[in-house]
Protein backbone atom coordinates (compact mmCIF):
# COMPACT_ATOMS: atom_id res chain seq x y z
CA MET A 1 131.35 -87.51 126.47
CA SER A 2 130.83 -90.05 123.70
CA ILE A 3 127.69 -90.31 121.59
CA LYS A 4 126.78 -93.54 123.37
CA GLN A 5 127.06 -91.85 126.78
CA LYS A 6 124.98 -88.87 125.60
CA LEU A 7 122.31 -91.23 124.29
CA ARG A 8 122.28 -93.15 127.58
CA THR A 9 121.96 -89.86 129.52
CA ALA A 10 119.12 -88.70 127.28
CA ILE A 11 117.27 -91.99 127.76
CA ILE A 12 117.64 -91.73 131.54
CA ILE A 13 116.30 -88.15 131.48
CA VAL A 14 113.31 -89.18 129.37
CA ILE A 15 112.56 -92.09 131.72
CA CYS A 16 112.77 -89.79 134.75
CA ILE A 17 110.40 -87.30 133.10
CA MET A 18 107.92 -90.07 132.30
CA ILE A 19 108.07 -91.33 135.89
CA LEU A 20 107.51 -87.80 137.19
CA ILE A 21 104.52 -87.30 134.84
CA THR A 22 103.06 -90.62 136.01
CA ILE A 23 103.43 -89.63 139.65
CA VAL A 24 101.84 -86.21 139.08
CA TYR A 25 98.96 -87.81 137.13
CA PHE A 26 98.41 -90.39 139.89
CA ILE A 27 98.35 -87.67 142.56
CA TYR A 28 95.90 -85.64 140.41
CA GLU A 29 93.58 -88.61 139.95
CA LYS A 30 93.62 -89.44 143.66
CA LEU A 31 93.29 -85.84 144.81
CA ASP A 32 90.53 -85.62 147.37
CA TYR A 33 87.80 -83.00 146.94
CA THR A 34 86.08 -81.69 150.04
CA LEU A 35 82.38 -80.83 149.99
CA SER A 36 83.15 -77.10 150.05
CA GLU A 37 85.49 -77.48 147.06
CA VAL A 38 82.81 -79.36 145.09
CA GLU A 39 80.24 -76.67 145.94
CA GLU A 40 82.69 -74.02 144.76
CA ILE A 41 83.02 -75.84 141.43
CA LEU A 42 79.22 -76.04 141.01
CA ASN A 43 78.72 -72.40 141.95
CA SER A 44 81.52 -71.04 139.77
CA PRO A 45 80.12 -68.53 137.25
CA LYS A 46 79.60 -70.01 133.79
CA ASN A 47 78.65 -66.74 132.08
CA VAL A 48 76.20 -68.60 129.85
CA SER A 49 73.45 -66.53 128.21
CA ASN A 50 72.44 -69.13 125.62
CA MET A 51 71.87 -72.71 126.74
CA HIS A 52 69.75 -75.74 125.86
CA VAL A 53 69.45 -78.48 128.50
CA VAL A 54 67.85 -81.91 128.02
CA ILE A 55 67.02 -83.94 131.13
CA ASP A 56 66.19 -87.62 130.71
CA GLY A 57 64.85 -89.17 133.87
CA ASN A 58 63.68 -92.44 135.32
CA ILE A 59 62.05 -92.10 138.74
CA ASP A 60 60.53 -95.20 140.34
CA ASN A 61 60.32 -96.81 136.87
CA GLU A 62 58.50 -93.81 135.39
CA SER A 63 60.28 -92.06 132.53
CA THR A 64 60.30 -88.27 132.33
CA TYR A 65 61.69 -85.81 129.82
CA THR A 66 62.41 -82.12 130.26
CA GLU A 67 63.87 -79.51 127.94
CA ILE A 68 65.10 -76.10 129.09
CA PHE A 69 65.63 -73.31 126.56
CA MET A 70 67.44 -70.25 127.93
CA LYS A 71 68.51 -67.12 126.06
CA ASP A 72 69.36 -63.80 127.72
CA ASN A 73 67.82 -65.15 130.96
CA PHE A 74 64.44 -65.79 129.30
CA TYR A 75 63.42 -69.38 129.96
CA TYR A 76 61.03 -71.71 128.17
CA VAL A 77 60.66 -75.19 129.67
CA ILE A 78 58.65 -78.21 128.51
CA TYR A 79 57.81 -81.41 130.37
CA LYS A 80 56.51 -84.73 129.12
CA THR A 81 56.74 -88.43 129.79
CA THR A 82 58.64 -90.53 127.30
CA SER A 83 55.57 -92.74 126.93
CA SER A 84 53.89 -89.81 125.21
CA SER A 85 55.07 -87.33 122.62
CA GLN A 86 52.64 -84.76 124.01
CA ILE A 87 53.87 -81.92 126.20
CA SER A 88 52.09 -81.97 129.56
CA GLN A 89 53.38 -78.68 131.01
CA GLU A 90 55.12 -75.51 129.90
CA SER A 91 56.96 -72.95 132.01
CA PHE A 92 57.94 -69.41 131.05
CA TYR A 93 60.25 -67.03 132.89
CA ASN A 94 60.58 -63.35 132.06
CA PRO A 95 63.64 -61.72 133.71
CA GLU A 96 62.28 -58.23 133.03
CA THR A 97 59.10 -58.74 135.07
CA LEU A 98 60.45 -61.58 137.30
CA GLU A 99 57.28 -63.52 136.48
CA LEU A 100 57.22 -67.30 136.32
CA ILE A 101 54.21 -68.69 134.44
CA ASN A 102 53.27 -72.38 134.47
CA VAL A 103 50.77 -73.80 132.01
CA ASP A 104 49.20 -77.21 132.60
CA LEU A 105 48.18 -78.43 129.13
CA GLU A 106 46.31 -81.44 130.49
CA GLN A 107 44.25 -79.69 133.18
CA LYS A 108 44.10 -76.40 131.25
CA GLY A 109 45.33 -74.19 134.05
CA ILE A 110 47.64 -71.17 134.09
CA LEU A 111 49.45 -70.08 137.24
CA GLU A 112 51.41 -66.84 137.43
CA THR A 113 54.03 -66.52 140.17
CA PRO A 114 55.33 -62.96 140.53
CA ASP A 115 58.71 -61.79 141.84
CA THR A 116 60.62 -65.01 141.20
CA SER A 117 64.37 -64.41 141.34
CA LEU A 118 66.55 -66.21 138.81
CA GLU A 119 68.36 -68.33 141.40
CA ASN A 120 65.04 -69.70 142.71
CA LEU A 121 63.83 -71.21 139.44
CA TYR A 122 62.82 -74.72 140.46
CA PHE A 123 63.47 -76.31 137.05
CA LEU A 124 67.21 -75.75 137.43
CA THR A 125 67.01 -78.89 139.51
CA SER A 126 70.49 -80.44 139.41
CA ASN A 127 72.10 -77.97 141.82
CA GLU A 128 68.93 -77.82 143.93
CA ASP A 129 68.94 -81.62 144.29
CA PHE A 130 72.59 -81.48 145.30
CA ALA A 131 71.86 -78.84 147.95
CA ASN A 132 68.92 -80.85 149.32
CA SER A 133 71.06 -84.00 149.46
CA LYS A 134 73.65 -82.07 151.46
CA ILE A 135 71.03 -80.90 153.97
CA ASP A 136 69.66 -84.41 154.55
CA ALA A 137 72.99 -86.25 154.42
CA THR A 138 74.60 -88.08 157.31
CA GLU A 139 77.79 -88.61 155.29
CA TYR A 140 79.58 -87.10 152.28
CA LYS A 141 82.25 -89.03 150.38
CA TYR A 142 84.40 -88.18 147.37
CA LEU A 143 84.75 -91.27 145.17
CA GLY A 144 87.32 -90.12 142.61
CA LYS A 145 87.09 -89.30 138.92
CA GLU A 146 85.07 -91.25 136.37
CA ASP A 147 84.34 -90.94 132.65
CA VAL A 148 80.67 -90.39 131.80
CA ASN A 149 79.86 -90.25 128.08
CA GLY A 150 83.42 -89.23 127.32
CA LYS A 151 83.52 -86.49 129.99
CA LYS A 152 85.88 -86.51 132.95
CA CYS A 153 83.72 -86.17 136.07
CA LEU A 154 84.04 -85.93 139.81
CA LYS A 155 81.96 -88.60 141.55
CA VAL A 156 80.59 -87.87 145.01
CA ARG A 157 78.12 -89.61 147.27
CA PHE A 158 75.70 -88.45 149.95
CA THR A 159 74.31 -91.01 152.40
CA ARG A 160 71.07 -90.35 154.27
CA GLU A 161 68.46 -92.29 156.20
CA ASP A 162 64.73 -92.37 155.51
CA ASP A 163 63.09 -95.70 156.37
CA GLY A 164 66.42 -97.23 155.42
CA ILE A 165 69.71 -96.10 153.94
CA ILE A 166 69.61 -94.00 150.77
CA GLU A 167 72.64 -93.09 148.66
CA ASP A 168 72.76 -90.21 146.15
CA TYR A 169 75.55 -90.21 143.56
CA TYR A 170 76.45 -87.07 141.59
CA TYR A 171 78.73 -86.89 138.56
CA ILE A 172 80.14 -83.39 137.92
CA ASP A 173 81.67 -82.50 134.56
CA LEU A 174 85.04 -80.86 135.23
CA GLU A 175 84.99 -78.97 131.93
CA ASP A 176 81.64 -77.17 132.29
CA ASN A 177 81.25 -77.52 136.09
CA ASN A 178 77.78 -79.01 135.63
CA ILE A 179 76.14 -82.07 137.15
CA ILE A 180 75.55 -84.43 134.24
CA LYS A 181 74.16 -87.43 136.12
CA HIS A 182 72.36 -88.05 139.41
CA GLU A 183 71.56 -91.54 140.69
CA THR A 184 69.70 -92.58 143.84
CA TYR A 185 69.92 -96.04 145.41
CA SER A 186 67.65 -97.24 148.22
CA GLN A 187 68.27 -100.19 150.49
CA ASN A 188 65.55 -102.85 150.27
CA TYR A 189 64.38 -105.26 152.95
CA SER A 190 67.12 -107.72 151.95
CA GLY A 191 69.80 -105.12 152.59
CA GLU A 192 70.59 -104.75 148.90
CA PHE A 193 70.70 -101.39 147.13
CA GLU A 194 68.34 -100.79 144.21
CA LYS A 195 68.43 -97.84 141.85
CA THR A 196 65.28 -95.73 142.20
CA THR A 197 66.27 -92.58 140.33
CA GLU A 198 68.51 -91.77 137.40
CA LEU A 199 68.65 -88.30 135.85
CA THR A 200 71.03 -87.46 132.99
CA TYR A 201 71.68 -83.90 131.87
CA SER A 202 73.05 -82.83 128.49
CA TYR A 203 73.99 -79.23 127.70
CA THR A 204 74.33 -77.35 124.42
CA TYR A 205 75.62 -73.79 124.34
CA ASN A 206 75.10 -70.85 121.97
CA SER A 207 72.81 -72.72 119.58
CA LEU A 208 69.42 -71.11 120.33
CA THR A 209 67.69 -68.32 118.47
CA ASP A 210 64.95 -66.03 119.76
CA ASN A 211 62.38 -68.29 118.07
CA ASP A 212 63.50 -71.26 120.20
CA VAL A 213 62.62 -69.50 123.45
CA LYS A 214 58.85 -69.27 123.29
CA LYS A 215 57.31 -66.27 125.08
CA PHE A 216 54.03 -66.56 126.97
CA ASP A 217 50.92 -65.23 125.24
CA VAL A 218 47.59 -65.80 126.95
CA ASP A 219 45.85 -65.81 123.54
CA ASP A 220 47.60 -69.12 122.82
CA TYR A 221 45.54 -70.77 125.57
CA PRO A 222 41.82 -70.13 125.03
CA ASP A 223 39.43 -71.53 127.65
CA TYR A 224 42.26 -72.00 130.18
CA LEU A 225 41.62 -71.23 133.86
CA LEU A 226 43.80 -68.37 135.10
CA LEU A 227 44.83 -69.04 138.71
CA GLU A 228 46.02 -66.37 141.12
CA TRP A 229 48.97 -67.08 143.36
CA GLY A 230 47.98 -67.13 147.03
CA VAL A 231 44.27 -67.28 146.22
CA ASN A 232 43.39 -70.42 144.32
CA GLY A 233 46.86 -71.39 143.15
CA ASP A 234 48.54 -72.54 146.34
CA GLU A 235 49.99 -76.05 146.27
CA ARG A 236 48.49 -76.83 142.88
CA ASP A 237 50.18 -79.78 141.17
CA PHE A 238 50.85 -79.19 137.48
CA GLY A 239 51.08 -82.51 135.66
CA ASP A 240 54.56 -84.04 135.43
CA GLY A 241 56.32 -80.85 136.44
CA PRO A 242 57.23 -79.86 140.02
CA SER A 243 54.51 -78.90 142.46
CA ILE A 244 53.98 -75.18 142.94
């Protein structure tokens, strides 16, 4: 075989390999993900003991801001609106006592909730929102892969009905298996869809020290009203944070 024939053969092989890679990539990009497969991705263990999460939100044109500090399963969470630099609520979770403590800095109230298991912490809201969307949904649809802030994400949609059609979109980072964006669109009287909610999540790992995860100390809150769960603490709304 001459050099020219060898070169031609090599070129053909390279072209075939490139075509094969293109086909495989196309199949990968178009691969459909069922709801159970997406749930498996979200529930896959991350083995993270040190994590900082920032949640920027816009709900019905009201901006919210949440930071979650987690180290060795101790949690310290702050809430505030972006219109104010002041923290409106703090939450503390102690995995040794299973106590969740919420402090309303505006209304000066402290609520202790005993025996709270780690998986029931309400401020880990991204997966909880996804689960609630699944329960209420009339349709689930996988919409392919999309880049969000340089991250390759799965995009899925839940459709539900509540005085009109509502669509929830979730973007799931394939590297960390976390939801990094959640959008909600509601159908108006003209039949058009308007965005009512946008939550973006950013995650930083292994950057926190013990000093970053503030521990609860009642002496830090003089003149605060201490509420008892099940007595005078039921259904109390703490500022911008979730209702208890």
